[in-house]
Amino acid sequence: AAKKERKKAKEPNQYTEPFNTTLSNSEELQGHSKTLESPDPRITDPR
Protein backbone atom coordinates (compact mmCIF):
# COMPACT_ATOMS: atom_id res chain seq x y z
CA ALA A 1 0.00 0.00 0.00
CA ALA A 2 2.80 2.41 0.78
CA LYS A 3 4.44 1.67 -2.59
CA LYS A 4 1.20 2.47 -4.45
CA GLU A 5 0.83 5.74 -2.56
CA ARG A 6 4.38 6.78 -3.46
CA LYS A 7 3.75 6.12 -7.15
CA LYS A 8 0.52 8.15 -7.10
CA ALA A 9 2.25 11.01 -5.32
CA LYS A 10 5.13 11.00 -7.83
CA GLU A 11 3.21 10.85 -11.15
CA PRO A 12 1.81 14.43 -11.27
CA ASN A 13 5.34 15.91 -10.66
CA GLN A 14 7.25 14.02 -13.38
CA TYR A 15 8.13 15.77 -16.68
CA THR A 16 5.74 18.73 -15.98
CA GLU A 17 8.37 21.32 -16.89
CA PRO A 18 9.43 21.19 -20.57
CA PHE A 19 12.85 22.26 -21.77
CA ASN A 20 13.13 25.94 -22.37
CA THR A 21 14.38 26.60 -25.88
CA THR A 22 15.74 29.97 -24.86
CA LEU A 23 18.08 28.56 -22.23
CA SER A 24 21.52 27.23 -22.85
CA ASN A 25 22.31 23.52 -22.83
CA SER A 26 24.04 23.71 -19.48
CA GLU A 27 21.07 25.53 -17.88
CA GLU A 28 18.62 23.05 -19.35
CA LEU A 29 20.61 20.15 -18.03
CA GLN A 30 20.88 21.73 -14.60
CA GLY A 31 17.13 22.40 -14.48
CA HIS A 32 16.35 18.96 -15.72
CA SER A 33 18.63 17.39 -13.17
CA LYS A 34 16.76 19.28 -10.45
CA THR A 35 13.46 17.81 -11.59
CA LEU A 36 15.02 14.35 -11.51
CA GLU A 37 16.08 14.79 -7.92
CA SER A 38 13.48 13.37 -5.54
CA PRO A 39 12.67 15.22 -2.35
CA ASP A 40 12.92 11.96 -0.54
CA PRO A 41 16.28 10.21 -1.08
CA ARG A 42 14.68 6.91 -0.13
CA ILE A 43 12.33 7.04 -3.18
CA THR A 44 14.17 5.72 -6.29
CA ASP A 45 13.57 7.24 -9.73
CA PRO A 46 14.02 4.74 -12.67
CA ARG A 47 15.52 7.42 -14.99
ModelCIF file with pLDDT and N, C-alpha, C, O atoms, coordinates in Angstrom:
data_MODEL
#
_entry.id   MODEL 
#
_entity.id                         1 
_entity.type                       polymer 
_entity.pdbx_number_of_molecules   1 
#
_entity_poly.entity_id                      1 
_entity_poly.type                           'polypeptide(L)' 
_entity_poly.nstd_linkage                   no 
_entity_poly.nstd_monomer                   no 
_entity_poly.pdbx_seq_one_letter_code       AAKKERKKAKEPNQYTEPFNTTLSNSEELQGHSKTLESPDPRITDPR 
_entity_poly.pdbx_seq_one_letter_code_can   AAKKERKKAKEPNQYTEPFNTTLSNSEELQGHSKTLESPDPRITDPR 
_entity_poly.pdbx_strand_id                 A 
#
loop_
_entity_poly_seq.entity_id 
_entity_poly_seq.num 
_entity_poly_seq.mon_id 
_entity_poly_seq.hetero 
1 1  ALA n 
1 2  ALA n 
1 3  LYS n 
1 4  LYS n 
1 5  GLU n 
1 6  ARG n 
1 7  LYS n 
1 8  LYS n 
1 9  ALA n 
1 10 LYS n 
1 11 GLU n 
1 12 PRO n 
1 13 ASN n 
1 14 GLN n 
1 15 TYR n 
1 16 THR n 
1 17 GLU n 
1 18 PRO n 
1 19 PHE n 
1 20 ASN n 
1 21 THR n 
1 22 THR n 
1 23 LEU n 
1 24 SER n 
1 25 ASN n 
1 26 SER n 
1 27 GLU n 
1 28 GLU n 
1 29 LEU n 
1 30 GLN n 
1 31 GLY n 
1 32 HIS n 
1 33 SER n 
1 34 LYS n 
1 35 THR n 
1 36 LEU n 
1 37 GLU n 
1 38 SER n 
1 39 PRO n 
1 40 ASP n 
1 41 PRO n 
1 42 ARG n 
1 43 ILE n 
1 44 THR n 
1 45 ASP n 
1 46 PRO n 
1 47 ARG n 
#
_struct_asym.id          A 
_struct_asym.entity_id   1 
#
loop_
_ma_qa_metric.id 
_ma_qa_metric.mode 
_ma_qa_metric.name 
_ma_qa_metric.software_group_id 
_ma_qa_metric.type 
1 global pLDDT . pLDDT 
2 local  pLDDT . pLDDT 
#
_ma_qa_metric_global.metric_id      1 
_ma_qa_metric_global.metric_value   54.04 
_ma_qa_metric_global.model_id       1 
_ma_qa_metric_global.ordinal_id     1 
#
loop_
_ma_qa_metric_local.label_asym_id 
_ma_qa_metric_local.label_comp_id 
_ma_qa_metric_local.label_seq_id 
_ma_qa_metric_local.metric_id 
_ma_qa_metric_local.metric_value 
_ma_qa_metric_local.model_id 
_ma_qa_metric_local.ordinal_id 
A ALA 1  2 76.00 1 1  
A ALA 2  2 76.00 1 2  
A LYS 3  2 76.00 1 3  
A LYS 4  2 72.00 1 4  
A GLU 5  2 72.00 1 5  
A ARG 6  2 71.00 1 6  
A LYS 7  2 67.00 1 7  
A LYS 8  2 63.00 1 8  
A ALA 9  2 59.00 1 9  
A LYS 10 2 55.00 1 10 
A GLU 11 2 52.00 1 11 
A PRO 12 2 49.00 1 12 
A ASN 13 2 47.00 1 13 
A GLN 14 2 48.00 1 14 
A TYR 15 2 45.00 1 15 
A THR 16 2 45.00 1 16 
A GLU 17 2 46.00 1 17 
A PRO 18 2 45.00 1 18 
A PHE 19 2 43.00 1 19 
A ASN 20 2 47.00 1 20 
A THR 21 2 45.00 1 21 
A THR 22 2 45.00 1 22 
A LEU 23 2 46.00 1 23 
A SER 24 2 46.00 1 24 
A ASN 25 2 48.00 1 25 
A SER 26 2 46.00 1 26 
A GLU 27 2 49.00 1 27 
A GLU 28 2 46.00 1 28 
A LEU 29 2 44.00 1 29 
A GLN 30 2 52.00 1 30 
A GLY 31 2 49.00 1 31 
A HIS 32 2 46.00 1 32 
A SER 33 2 47.00 1 33 
A LYS 34 2 48.00 1 34 
A THR 35 2 48.00 1 35 
A LEU 36 2 46.00 1 36 
A GLU 37 2 48.00 1 37 
A SER 38 2 46.00 1 38 
A PRO 39 2 49.00 1 39 
A ASP 40 2 52.00 1 40 
A PRO 41 2 50.00 1 41 
A ARG 42 2 50.00 1 42 
A ILE 43 2 53.00 1 43 
A THR 44 2 62.00 1 44 
A ASP 45 2 74.00 1 45 
A PRO 46 2 76.00 1 46 
A ARG 47 2 75.00 1 47 
#
loop_
_atom_site.group_PDB 
_atom_site.id 
_atom_site.type_symbol 
_atom_site.label_atom_id 
_atom_site.label_alt_id 
_atom_site.label_comp_id 
_atom_site.label_asym_id 
_atom_site.label_entity_id 
_atom_site.label_seq_id 
_atom_site.pdbx_PDB_ins_code 
_atom_site.Cartn_x 
_atom_site.Cartn_y 
_atom_site.Cartn_z 
_atom_site.occupancy 
_atom_site.B_iso_or_equiv 
_atom_site.pdbx_formal_charge 
_atom_site.auth_seq_id 
_atom_site.auth_comp_id 
_atom_site.auth_asym_id 
_atom_site.auth_atom_id 
_atom_site.pdbx_PDB_model_num 
ATOM 1   N N  . ALA A 1 1  ? 0.822  -1.196 0.000   1.00 76.00 ? 1  ALA A N  1 
ATOM 2   C CA . ALA A 1 1  ? 0.000  0.000  0.000   1.00 76.00 ? 1  ALA A CA 1 
ATOM 3   C C  . ALA A 1 1  ? 0.863  1.256  0.000   1.00 76.00 ? 1  ALA A C  1 
ATOM 4   O O  . ALA A 1 1  ? 0.554  2.226  -0.692  1.00 76.00 ? 1  ALA A O  1 
ATOM 5   N N  . ALA A 1 2  ? 1.902  1.238  0.746   1.00 76.00 ? 2  ALA A N  1 
ATOM 6   C CA . ALA A 1 2  ? 2.799  2.411  0.781   1.00 76.00 ? 2  ALA A CA 1 
ATOM 7   C C  . ALA A 1 2  ? 3.464  2.628  -0.559  1.00 76.00 ? 2  ALA A C  1 
ATOM 8   O O  . ALA A 1 2  ? 3.674  3.772  -0.961  1.00 76.00 ? 2  ALA A O  1 
ATOM 9   N N  . LYS A 1 3  ? 3.802  1.554  -1.266  1.00 76.00 ? 3  LYS A N  1 
ATOM 10  C CA . LYS A 1 3  ? 4.444  1.672  -2.586  1.00 76.00 ? 3  LYS A CA 1 
ATOM 11  C C  . LYS A 1 3  ? 3.488  2.312  -3.589  1.00 76.00 ? 3  LYS A C  1 
ATOM 12  O O  . LYS A 1 3  ? 3.888  3.155  -4.391  1.00 76.00 ? 3  LYS A O  1 
ATOM 13  N N  . LYS A 1 4  ? 2.185  1.890  -3.532  1.00 72.00 ? 4  LYS A N  1 
ATOM 14  C CA . LYS A 1 4  ? 1.202  2.474  -4.448  1.00 72.00 ? 4  LYS A CA 1 
ATOM 15  C C  . LYS A 1 4  ? 1.007  3.958  -4.145  1.00 72.00 ? 4  LYS A C  1 
ATOM 16  O O  . LYS A 1 4  ? 0.876  4.758  -5.070  1.00 72.00 ? 4  LYS A O  1 
ATOM 17  N N  . GLU A 1 5  ? 0.985  4.329  -2.904  1.00 72.00 ? 5  GLU A N  1 
ATOM 18  C CA . GLU A 1 5  ? 0.827  5.736  -2.557  1.00 72.00 ? 5  GLU A CA 1 
ATOM 19  C C  . GLU A 1 5  ? 2.012  6.572  -3.049  1.00 72.00 ? 5  GLU A C  1 
ATOM 20  O O  . GLU A 1 5  ? 1.819  7.702  -3.496  1.00 72.00 ? 5  GLU A O  1 
ATOM 21  N N  . ARG A 1 6  ? 3.221  6.039  -2.975  1.00 71.00 ? 6  ARG A N  1 
ATOM 22  C CA . ARG A 1 6  ? 4.382  6.778  -3.456  1.00 71.00 ? 6  ARG A CA 1 
ATOM 23  C C  . ARG A 1 6  ? 4.317  6.991  -4.954  1.00 71.00 ? 6  ARG A C  1 
ATOM 24  O O  . ARG A 1 6  ? 4.678  8.062  -5.442  1.00 71.00 ? 6  ARG A O  1 
ATOM 25  N N  . LYS A 1 7  ? 3.861  5.983  -5.697  1.00 67.00 ? 7  LYS A N  1 
ATOM 26  C CA . LYS A 1 7  ? 3.752  6.122  -7.147  1.00 67.00 ? 7  LYS A CA 1 
ATOM 27  C C  . LYS A 1 7  ? 2.716  7.180  -7.522  1.00 67.00 ? 7  LYS A C  1 
ATOM 28  O O  . LYS A 1 7  ? 2.936  7.985  -8.426  1.00 67.00 ? 7  LYS A O  1 
ATOM 29  N N  . LYS A 1 8  ? 1.567  7.167  -6.804  1.00 63.00 ? 8  LYS A N  1 
ATOM 30  C CA . LYS A 1 8  ? 0.521  8.155  -7.096  1.00 63.00 ? 8  LYS A CA 1 
ATOM 31  C C  . LYS A 1 8  ? 1.007  9.575  -6.769  1.00 63.00 ? 8  LYS A C  1 
ATOM 32  O O  . LYS A 1 8  ? 0.700  10.532 -7.479  1.00 63.00 ? 8  LYS A O  1 
ATOM 33  N N  . ALA A 1 9  ? 1.762  9.680  -5.692  1.00 59.00 ? 9  ALA A N  1 
ATOM 34  C CA . ALA A 1 9  ? 2.247  11.012 -5.315  1.00 59.00 ? 9  ALA A CA 1 
ATOM 35  C C  . ALA A 1 9  ? 3.326  11.503 -6.283  1.00 59.00 ? 9  ALA A C  1 
ATOM 36  O O  . ALA A 1 9  ? 3.516  12.712 -6.415  1.00 59.00 ? 9  ALA A O  1 
ATOM 37  N N  . LYS A 1 10 ? 4.021  10.615 -6.949  1.00 55.00 ? 10 LYS A N  1 
ATOM 38  C CA . LYS A 1 10 ? 5.130  11.005 -7.827  1.00 55.00 ? 10 LYS A CA 1 
ATOM 39  C C  . LYS A 1 10 ? 4.683  11.281 -9.249  1.00 55.00 ? 10 LYS A C  1 
ATOM 40  O O  . LYS A 1 10 ? 5.359  12.059 -9.922  1.00 55.00 ? 10 LYS A O  1 
ATOM 41  N N  . GLU A 1 11 ? 3.622  10.722 -9.756  1.00 52.00 ? 11 GLU A N  1 
ATOM 42  C CA . GLU A 1 11 ? 3.209  10.852 -11.151 1.00 52.00 ? 11 GLU A CA 1 
ATOM 43  C C  . GLU A 1 11 ? 2.854  12.272 -11.550 1.00 52.00 ? 11 GLU A C  1 
ATOM 44  O O  . GLU A 1 11 ? 3.293  12.670 -12.629 1.00 52.00 ? 11 GLU A O  1 
ATOM 45  N N  . PRO A 1 12 ? 2.115  13.077 -10.812 1.00 49.00 ? 12 PRO A N  1 
ATOM 46  C CA . PRO A 1 12 ? 1.808  14.435 -11.272 1.00 49.00 ? 12 PRO A CA 1 
ATOM 47  C C  . PRO A 1 12 ? 3.017  15.347 -11.348 1.00 49.00 ? 12 PRO A C  1 
ATOM 48  O O  . PRO A 1 12 ? 2.945  16.362 -12.040 1.00 49.00 ? 12 PRO A O  1 
ATOM 49  N N  . ASN A 1 13 ? 4.161  15.039 -10.660 1.00 47.00 ? 13 ASN A N  1 
ATOM 50  C CA . ASN A 1 13 ? 5.342  15.911 -10.656 1.00 47.00 ? 13 ASN A CA 1 
ATOM 51  C C  . ASN A 1 13 ? 6.368  15.557 -11.723 1.00 47.00 ? 13 ASN A C  1 
ATOM 52  O O  . ASN A 1 13 ? 7.306  16.329 -11.925 1.00 47.00 ? 13 ASN A O  1 
ATOM 53  N N  . GLN A 1 14 ? 6.238  14.434 -12.412 1.00 48.00 ? 14 GLN A N  1 
ATOM 54  C CA . GLN A 1 14 ? 7.250  14.019 -13.383 1.00 48.00 ? 14 GLN A CA 1 
ATOM 55  C C  . GLN A 1 14 ? 7.010  14.671 -14.726 1.00 48.00 ? 14 GLN A C  1 
ATOM 56  O O  . GLN A 1 14 ? 5.885  14.688 -15.225 1.00 48.00 ? 14 GLN A O  1 
ATOM 57  N N  . TYR A 1 15 ? 8.101  15.227 -15.332 1.00 45.00 ? 15 TYR A N  1 
ATOM 58  C CA . TYR A 1 15 ? 8.125  15.766 -16.680 1.00 45.00 ? 15 TYR A CA 1 
ATOM 59  C C  . TYR A 1 15 ? 7.085  16.853 -16.889 1.00 45.00 ? 15 TYR A C  1 
ATOM 60  O O  . TYR A 1 15 ? 6.595  17.000 -18.008 1.00 45.00 ? 15 TYR A O  1 
ATOM 61  N N  . THR A 1 16 ? 6.714  17.643 -15.842 1.00 45.00 ? 16 THR A N  1 
ATOM 62  C CA . THR A 1 16 ? 5.739  18.727 -15.983 1.00 45.00 ? 16 THR A CA 1 
ATOM 63  C C  . THR A 1 16 ? 6.374  19.970 -16.566 1.00 45.00 ? 16 THR A C  1 
ATOM 64  O O  . THR A 1 16 ? 5.680  20.807 -17.143 1.00 45.00 ? 16 THR A O  1 
ATOM 65  N N  . GLU A 1 17 ? 7.709  20.105 -16.421 1.00 46.00 ? 17 GLU A N  1 
ATOM 66  C CA . GLU A 1 17 ? 8.368  21.318 -16.886 1.00 46.00 ? 17 GLU A CA 1 
ATOM 67  C C  . GLU A 1 17 ? 9.136  20.994 -18.164 1.00 46.00 ? 17 GLU A C  1 
ATOM 68  O O  . GLU A 1 17 ? 10.135 20.277 -18.093 1.00 46.00 ? 17 GLU A O  1 
ATOM 69  N N  . PRO A 1 18 ? 8.721  21.485 -19.316 1.00 45.00 ? 18 PRO A N  1 
ATOM 70  C CA . PRO A 1 18 ? 9.430  21.195 -20.573 1.00 45.00 ? 18 PRO A CA 1 
ATOM 71  C C  . PRO A 1 18 ? 10.723 21.985 -20.628 1.00 45.00 ? 18 PRO A C  1 
ATOM 72  O O  . PRO A 1 18 ? 10.940 22.933 -19.874 1.00 45.00 ? 18 PRO A O  1 
ATOM 73  N N  . PHE A 1 19 ? 11.588 21.550 -21.567 1.00 43.00 ? 19 PHE A N  1 
ATOM 74  C CA . PHE A 1 19 ? 12.850 22.259 -21.768 1.00 43.00 ? 19 PHE A CA 1 
ATOM 75  C C  . PHE A 1 19 ? 12.581 23.611 -22.384 1.00 43.00 ? 19 PHE A C  1 
ATOM 76  O O  . PHE A 1 19 ? 11.776 23.752 -23.304 1.00 43.00 ? 19 PHE A O  1 
ATOM 77  N N  . ASN A 1 20 ? 13.258 24.578 -21.867 1.00 47.00 ? 20 ASN A N  1 
ATOM 78  C CA . ASN A 1 20 ? 13.128 25.943 -22.375 1.00 47.00 ? 20 ASN A CA 1 
ATOM 79  C C  . ASN A 1 20 ? 14.083 26.116 -23.522 1.00 47.00 ? 20 ASN A C  1 
ATOM 80  O O  . ASN A 1 20 ? 15.291 25.934 -23.372 1.00 47.00 ? 20 ASN A O  1 
ATOM 81  N N  . THR A 1 21 ? 13.533 26.475 -24.693 1.00 45.00 ? 21 THR A N  1 
ATOM 82  C CA . THR A 1 21 ? 14.378 26.601 -25.884 1.00 45.00 ? 21 THR A CA 1 
ATOM 83  C C  . THR A 1 21 ? 15.270 27.821 -25.822 1.00 45.00 ? 21 THR A C  1 
ATOM 84  O O  . THR A 1 21 ? 16.260 27.914 -26.547 1.00 45.00 ? 21 THR A O  1 
ATOM 85  N N  . THR A 1 22 ? 14.917 28.759 -24.952 1.00 45.00 ? 22 THR A N  1 
ATOM 86  C CA . THR A 1 22 ? 15.743 29.970 -24.863 1.00 45.00 ? 22 THR A CA 1 
ATOM 87  C C  . THR A 1 22 ? 16.929 29.814 -23.947 1.00 45.00 ? 22 THR A C  1 
ATOM 88  O O  . THR A 1 22 ? 17.821 30.663 -23.950 1.00 45.00 ? 22 THR A O  1 
ATOM 89  N N  . LEU A 1 23 ? 16.969 28.754 -23.161 1.00 46.00 ? 23 LEU A N  1 
ATOM 90  C CA . LEU A 1 23 ? 18.078 28.557 -22.227 1.00 46.00 ? 23 LEU A CA 1 
ATOM 91  C C  . LEU A 1 23 ? 19.218 27.832 -22.923 1.00 46.00 ? 23 LEU A C  1 
ATOM 92  O O  . LEU A 1 23 ? 19.051 27.210 -23.972 1.00 46.00 ? 23 LEU A O  1 
ATOM 93  N N  . SER A 1 24 ? 20.353 27.935 -22.313 1.00 46.00 ? 24 SER A N  1 
ATOM 94  C CA . SER A 1 24 ? 21.523 27.226 -22.849 1.00 46.00 ? 24 SER A CA 1 
ATOM 95  C C  . SER A 1 24 ? 21.452 25.762 -22.464 1.00 46.00 ? 24 SER A C  1 
ATOM 96  O O  . SER A 1 24 ? 20.640 25.358 -21.632 1.00 46.00 ? 24 SER A O  1 
ATOM 97  N N  . ASN A 1 25 ? 22.322 24.971 -23.088 1.00 48.00 ? 25 ASN A N  1 
ATOM 98  C CA . ASN A 1 25 ? 22.311 23.525 -22.827 1.00 48.00 ? 25 ASN A CA 1 
ATOM 99  C C  . ASN A 1 25 ? 22.679 23.230 -21.390 1.00 48.00 ? 25 ASN A C  1 
ATOM 100 O O  . ASN A 1 25 ? 22.105 22.341 -20.761 1.00 48.00 ? 25 ASN A O  1 
ATOM 101 N N  . SER A 1 26 ? 23.647 23.983 -20.869 1.00 46.00 ? 26 SER A N  1 
ATOM 102 C CA . SER A 1 26 ? 24.044 23.709 -19.481 1.00 46.00 ? 26 SER A CA 1 
ATOM 103 C C  . SER A 1 26 ? 22.927 24.048 -18.518 1.00 46.00 ? 26 SER A C  1 
ATOM 104 O O  . SER A 1 26 ? 22.730 23.330 -17.538 1.00 46.00 ? 26 SER A O  1 
ATOM 105 N N  . GLU A 1 27 ? 22.161 25.158 -18.773 1.00 49.00 ? 27 GLU A N  1 
ATOM 106 C CA . GLU A 1 27 ? 21.069 25.526 -17.880 1.00 49.00 ? 27 GLU A CA 1 
ATOM 107 C C  . GLU A 1 27 ? 19.936 24.525 -17.966 1.00 49.00 ? 27 GLU A C  1 
ATOM 108 O O  . GLU A 1 27 ? 19.309 24.180 -16.964 1.00 49.00 ? 27 GLU A O  1 
ATOM 109 N N  . GLU A 1 28 ? 19.678 24.053 -19.211 1.00 46.00 ? 28 GLU A N  1 
ATOM 110 C CA . GLU A 1 28 ? 18.618 23.053 -19.353 1.00 46.00 ? 28 GLU A CA 1 
ATOM 111 C C  . GLU A 1 28 ? 18.957 21.783 -18.614 1.00 46.00 ? 28 GLU A C  1 
ATOM 112 O O  . GLU A 1 28 ? 18.101 21.181 -17.966 1.00 46.00 ? 28 GLU A O  1 
ATOM 113 N N  . LEU A 1 29 ? 20.223 21.372 -18.713 1.00 44.00 ? 29 LEU A N  1 
ATOM 114 C CA . LEU A 1 29 ? 20.614 20.145 -18.031 1.00 44.00 ? 29 LEU A CA 1 
ATOM 115 C C  . LEU A 1 29 ? 20.556 20.310 -16.531 1.00 44.00 ? 29 LEU A C  1 
ATOM 116 O O  . LEU A 1 29 ? 20.183 19.384 -15.811 1.00 44.00 ? 29 LEU A O  1 
ATOM 117 N N  . GLN A 1 30 ? 20.936 21.520 -16.043 1.00 52.00 ? 30 GLN A N  1 
ATOM 118 C CA . GLN A 1 30 ? 20.879 21.728 -14.599 1.00 52.00 ? 30 GLN A CA 1 
ATOM 119 C C  . GLN A 1 30 ? 19.440 21.727 -14.111 1.00 52.00 ? 30 GLN A C  1 
ATOM 120 O O  . GLN A 1 30 ? 19.129 21.161 -13.063 1.00 52.00 ? 30 GLN A O  1 
ATOM 121 N N  . GLY A 1 31 ? 18.537 22.388 -14.904 1.00 49.00 ? 31 GLY A N  1 
ATOM 122 C CA . GLY A 1 31 ? 17.135 22.401 -14.484 1.00 49.00 ? 31 GLY A CA 1 
ATOM 123 C C  . GLY A 1 31 ? 16.513 21.045 -14.553 1.00 49.00 ? 31 GLY A C  1 
ATOM 124 O O  . GLY A 1 31 ? 15.702 20.668 -13.707 1.00 49.00 ? 31 GLY A O  1 
ATOM 125 N N  . HIS A 1 32 ? 16.901 20.300 -15.581 1.00 46.00 ? 32 HIS A N  1 
ATOM 126 C CA . HIS A 1 32 ? 16.346 18.956 -15.719 1.00 46.00 ? 32 HIS A CA 1 
ATOM 127 C C  . HIS A 1 32 ? 16.859 18.023 -14.642 1.00 46.00 ? 32 HIS A C  1 
ATOM 128 O O  . HIS A 1 32 ? 16.148 17.126 -14.189 1.00 46.00 ? 32 HIS A O  1 
ATOM 129 N N  . SER A 1 33 ? 18.106 18.243 -14.234 1.00 47.00 ? 33 SER A N  1 
ATOM 130 C CA . SER A 1 33 ? 18.629 17.394 -13.165 1.00 47.00 ? 33 SER A CA 1 
ATOM 131 C C  . SER A 1 33 ? 17.933 17.693 -11.841 1.00 47.00 ? 33 SER A C  1 
ATOM 132 O O  . SER A 1 33 ? 17.803 16.816 -10.987 1.00 47.00 ? 33 SER A O  1 
ATOM 133 N N  . LYS A 1 34 ? 17.482 18.953 -11.675 1.00 48.00 ? 34 LYS A N  1 
ATOM 134 C CA . LYS A 1 34 ? 16.759 19.277 -10.447 1.00 48.00 ? 34 LYS A CA 1 
ATOM 135 C C  . LYS A 1 34 ? 15.413 18.591 -10.403 1.00 48.00 ? 34 LYS A C  1 
ATOM 136 O O  . LYS A 1 34 ? 14.957 18.166 -9.342  1.00 48.00 ? 34 LYS A O  1 
ATOM 137 N N  . THR A 1 35 ? 14.768 18.481 -11.571 1.00 48.00 ? 35 THR A N  1 
ATOM 138 C CA . THR A 1 35 ? 13.464 17.811 -11.595 1.00 48.00 ? 35 THR A CA 1 
ATOM 139 C C  . THR A 1 35 ? 13.613 16.336 -11.338 1.00 48.00 ? 35 THR A C  1 
ATOM 140 O O  . THR A 1 35 ? 12.711 15.686 -10.810 1.00 48.00 ? 35 THR A O  1 
ATOM 141 N N  . LEU A 1 36 ? 14.825 15.782 -11.738 1.00 46.00 ? 36 LEU A N  1 
ATOM 142 C CA . LEU A 1 36 ? 15.018 14.354 -11.512 1.00 46.00 ? 36 LEU A CA 1 
ATOM 143 C C  . LEU A 1 36 ? 15.294 14.048 -10.053 1.00 46.00 ? 36 LEU A C  1 
ATOM 144 O O  . LEU A 1 36 ? 15.085 12.922 -9.602  1.00 46.00 ? 36 LEU A O  1 
ATOM 145 N N  . GLU A 1 37 ? 15.760 15.038 -9.317  1.00 48.00 ? 37 GLU A N  1 
ATOM 146 C CA . GLU A 1 37 ? 16.078 14.793 -7.916  1.00 48.00 ? 37 GLU A CA 1 
ATOM 147 C C  . GLU A 1 37 ? 14.770 14.650 -7.131  1.00 48.00 ? 37 GLU A C  1 
ATOM 148 O O  . GLU A 1 37 ? 13.873 15.485 -7.251  1.00 48.00 ? 37 GLU A O  1 
ATOM 149 N N  . SER A 1 38 ? 14.674 13.624 -6.356  1.00 46.00 ? 38 SER A N  1 
ATOM 150 C CA . SER A 1 38 ? 13.477 13.372 -5.544  1.00 46.00 ? 38 SER A CA 1 
ATOM 151 C C  . SER A 1 38 ? 13.648 14.034 -4.204  1.00 46.00 ? 38 SER A C  1 
ATOM 152 O O  . SER A 1 38 ? 14.741 14.031 -3.637  1.00 46.00 ? 38 SER A O  1 
ATOM 153 N N  . PRO A 1 39 ? 12.545 14.619 -3.677  1.00 49.00 ? 39 PRO A N  1 
ATOM 154 C CA . PRO A 1 39 ? 12.674 15.218 -2.351  1.00 49.00 ? 39 PRO A CA 1 
ATOM 155 C C  . PRO A 1 39 ? 13.015 14.210 -1.300  1.00 49.00 ? 39 PRO A C  1 
ATOM 156 O O  . PRO A 1 39 ? 13.634 14.543 -0.289  1.00 49.00 ? 39 PRO A O  1 
ATOM 157 N N  . ASP A 1 40 ? 12.627 13.000 -1.520  1.00 52.00 ? 40 ASP A N  1 
ATOM 158 C CA . ASP A 1 40 ? 12.915 11.961 -0.543  1.00 52.00 ? 40 ASP A CA 1 
ATOM 159 C C  . ASP A 1 40 ? 14.010 11.063 -1.098  1.00 52.00 ? 40 ASP A C  1 
ATOM 160 O O  . ASP A 1 40 ? 13.763 10.369 -2.084  1.00 52.00 ? 40 ASP A O  1 
ATOM 161 N N  . PRO A 1 41 ? 15.195 11.037 -0.525  1.00 50.00 ? 41 PRO A N  1 
ATOM 162 C CA . PRO A 1 41 ? 16.276 10.208 -1.085  1.00 50.00 ? 41 PRO A CA 1 
ATOM 163 C C  . PRO A 1 41 ? 15.952 8.739  -1.031  1.00 50.00 ? 41 PRO A C  1 
ATOM 164 O O  . PRO A 1 41 ? 16.563 7.961  -1.763  1.00 50.00 ? 41 PRO A O  1 
ATOM 165 N N  . ARG A 1 42 ? 15.017 8.322  -0.197  1.00 50.00 ? 42 ARG A N  1 
ATOM 166 C CA . ARG A 1 42 ? 14.685 6.908  -0.132  1.00 50.00 ? 42 ARG A CA 1 
ATOM 167 C C  . ARG A 1 42 ? 13.863 6.458  -1.319  1.00 50.00 ? 42 ARG A C  1 
ATOM 168 O O  . ARG A 1 42 ? 13.848 5.268  -1.630  1.00 50.00 ? 42 ARG A O  1 
ATOM 169 N N  . ILE A 1 43 ? 13.158 7.396  -2.014  1.00 53.00 ? 43 ILE A N  1 
ATOM 170 C CA . ILE A 1 43 ? 12.332 7.042  -3.176  1.00 53.00 ? 43 ILE A CA 1 
ATOM 171 C C  . ILE A 1 43 ? 13.246 7.009  -4.388  1.00 53.00 ? 43 ILE A C  1 
ATOM 172 O O  . ILE A 1 43 ? 13.930 7.998  -4.653  1.00 53.00 ? 43 ILE A O  1 
ATOM 173 N N  . THR A 1 44 ? 13.284 5.909  -5.137  1.00 62.00 ? 44 THR A N  1 
ATOM 174 C CA . THR A 1 44 ? 14.169 5.719  -6.294  1.00 62.00 ? 44 THR A CA 1 
ATOM 175 C C  . THR A 1 44 ? 13.436 6.065  -7.559  1.00 62.00 ? 44 THR A C  1 
ATOM 176 O O  . THR A 1 44 ? 12.302 5.639  -7.774  1.00 62.00 ? 44 THR A O  1 
ATOM 177 N N  . ASP A 1 45 ? 14.111 6.869  -8.428  1.00 74.00 ? 45 ASP A N  1 
ATOM 178 C CA . ASP A 1 45 ? 13.567 7.239  -9.729  1.00 74.00 ? 45 ASP A CA 1 
ATOM 179 C C  . ASP A 1 45 ? 14.206 6.322  -10.781 1.00 74.00 ? 45 ASP A C  1 
ATOM 180 O O  . ASP A 1 45 ? 15.433 6.219  -10.812 1.00 74.00 ? 45 ASP A O  1 
ATOM 181 N N  . PRO A 1 46 ? 13.419 5.646  -11.654 1.00 76.00 ? 46 PRO A N  1 
ATOM 182 C CA . PRO A 1 46 ? 14.016 4.742  -12.667 1.00 76.00 ? 46 PRO A CA 1 
ATOM 183 C C  . PRO A 1 46 ? 14.969 5.477  -13.604 1.00 76.00 ? 46 PRO A C  1 
ATOM 184 O O  . PRO A 1 46 ? 16.030 4.938  -13.919 1.00 76.00 ? 46 PRO A O  1 
ATOM 185 N N  . ARG A 1 47 ? 14.639 6.684  -14.063 1.00 75.00 ? 47 ARG A N  1 
ATOM 186 C CA . ARG A 1 47 ? 15.519 7.418  -14.988 1.00 75.00 ? 47 ARG A CA 1 
ATOM 187 C C  . ARG A 1 47 ? 16.831 7.808  -14.311 1.00 75.00 ? 47 ARG A C  1 
ATOM 188 O O  . ARG A 1 47 ? 17.689 8.430  -14.938 1.00 75.00 ? 47 ARG A O  1 
#
